[in-house]
Amino acid sequence: MKKLLLALASAAAVVATSGCIVAPVPGYRYGADGYYAPAGVVYVAPTYAAPGPGWGWRYHAQFGWGWYHPQYGWHRGWH
């Protein structure tokens, strides 16, 4: 009887935790390129629409958040 109860308790524990996967979120992810914001940076939502296709919302070290395109660079001429 004890073996049966132990087996049932073990099976219940496995079933109860089988779908539980916990993983930390590595950082903010924005845009199609999968950009992550640096640690300690607070996310600020865009205040205007993307200038066109391919632009992603990124963090600029000097100017803060803005639109960035891999081919054209920063929107509004940031360097």
Protein backbone atom coordinates (compact mmCIF):
# COMPACT_ATOMS: atom_id res chain seq x y z
CA MET A 1 0.00 0.00 0.00
CA LYS A 2 2.84 2.41 0.85
CA LYS A 3 4.49 1.70 -2.51
CA LEU A 4 1.26 2.47 -4.33
CA LEU A 5 0.78 5.76 -2.48
CA LEU A 6 4.41 6.71 -3.13
CA ALA A 7 4.05 5.89 -6.82
CA LEU A 8 0.84 7.91 -7.07
CA ALA A 9 2.40 10.89 -5.27
CA SER A 10 5.44 10.79 -7.56
CA ALA A 11 3.26 10.57 -10.66
CA ALA A 12 1.11 13.47 -9.46
CA ALA A 13 4.20 15.61 -8.84
CA VAL A 14 5.53 14.89 -12.34
CA VAL A 15 2.19 15.69 -13.96
CA ALA A 16 1.75 18.88 -11.93
CA THR A 17 5.14 20.31 -12.90
CA SER A 18 5.57 18.90 -16.42
CA GLY A 19 4.22 22.00 -18.19
CA CYS A 20 5.92 24.56 -15.98
CA ILE A 21 8.97 26.10 -17.62
CA VAL A 22 10.38 29.26 -16.10
CA ALA A 23 13.07 31.21 -17.93
CA PRO A 24 14.22 34.77 -17.27
CA VAL A 25 13.58 37.38 -19.92
CA PRO A 26 16.97 38.50 -21.27
CA GLY A 27 15.94 42.10 -21.94
CA TYR A 28 13.63 44.26 -23.99
CA ARG A 29 13.10 43.08 -27.53
CA TYR A 30 11.92 45.53 -30.15
CA GLY A 31 11.82 45.57 -33.92
CA ALA A 32 12.34 42.87 -36.50
CA ASP A 33 16.09 42.72 -35.84
CA GLY A 34 15.58 41.54 -32.25
CA TYR A 35 17.35 44.48 -30.61
CA TYR A 36 17.76 44.32 -26.85
CA ALA A 37 17.94 47.47 -24.74
CA PRO A 38 21.00 47.76 -22.49
CA ALA A 39 20.68 47.02 -18.78
CA GLY A 40 19.29 49.88 -16.72
CA VAL A 41 17.57 51.60 -19.66
CA VAL A 42 13.89 52.40 -19.20
CA TYR A 43 11.73 51.75 -22.25
CA VAL A 44 9.95 54.75 -23.77
CA ALA A 45 7.19 54.09 -26.30
CA PRO A 46 7.35 55.75 -29.73
CA THR A 47 5.62 59.12 -29.93
CA TYR A 48 5.10 58.94 -33.71
CA ALA A 49 4.71 56.22 -36.33
CA ALA A 50 7.66 54.46 -37.95
CA PRO A 51 9.03 56.42 -40.94
CA GLY A 52 8.57 53.39 -43.21
CA PRO A 53 9.16 49.67 -43.59
CA GLY A 54 12.33 48.29 -42.01
CA TRP A 55 12.62 50.89 -39.25
CA GLY A 56 13.00 49.56 -35.69
CA TRP A 57 12.61 51.29 -32.33
CA ARG A 58 16.08 51.38 -30.69
CA TYR A 59 17.98 53.07 -27.91
CA HIS A 60 20.65 55.64 -28.85
CA ALA A 61 23.30 56.20 -26.17
CA GLN A 62 23.29 60.01 -26.56
CA PHE A 63 19.76 60.86 -27.71
CA GLY A 64 17.61 58.12 -26.15
CA TRP A 65 14.95 56.14 -28.00
CA GLY A 66 14.41 56.62 -31.73
CA TRP A 67 13.80 54.96 -35.08
CA TYR A 68 16.76 53.13 -36.66
CA HIS A 69 17.12 51.53 -40.09
CA PRO A 70 20.05 49.17 -40.84
CA GLN A 71 20.66 50.81 -44.24
CA TYR A 72 19.72 54.46 -43.60
CA GLY A 73 20.80 54.87 -39.97
CA TRP A 74 18.94 56.98 -37.42
CA HIS A 75 15.82 58.93 -38.32
CA ARG A 76 16.15 62.71 -38.01
CA GLY A 77 19.92 62.59 -38.63
CA TRP A 78 21.26 61.21 -35.35
CA HIS A 79 24.83 59.89 -35.56
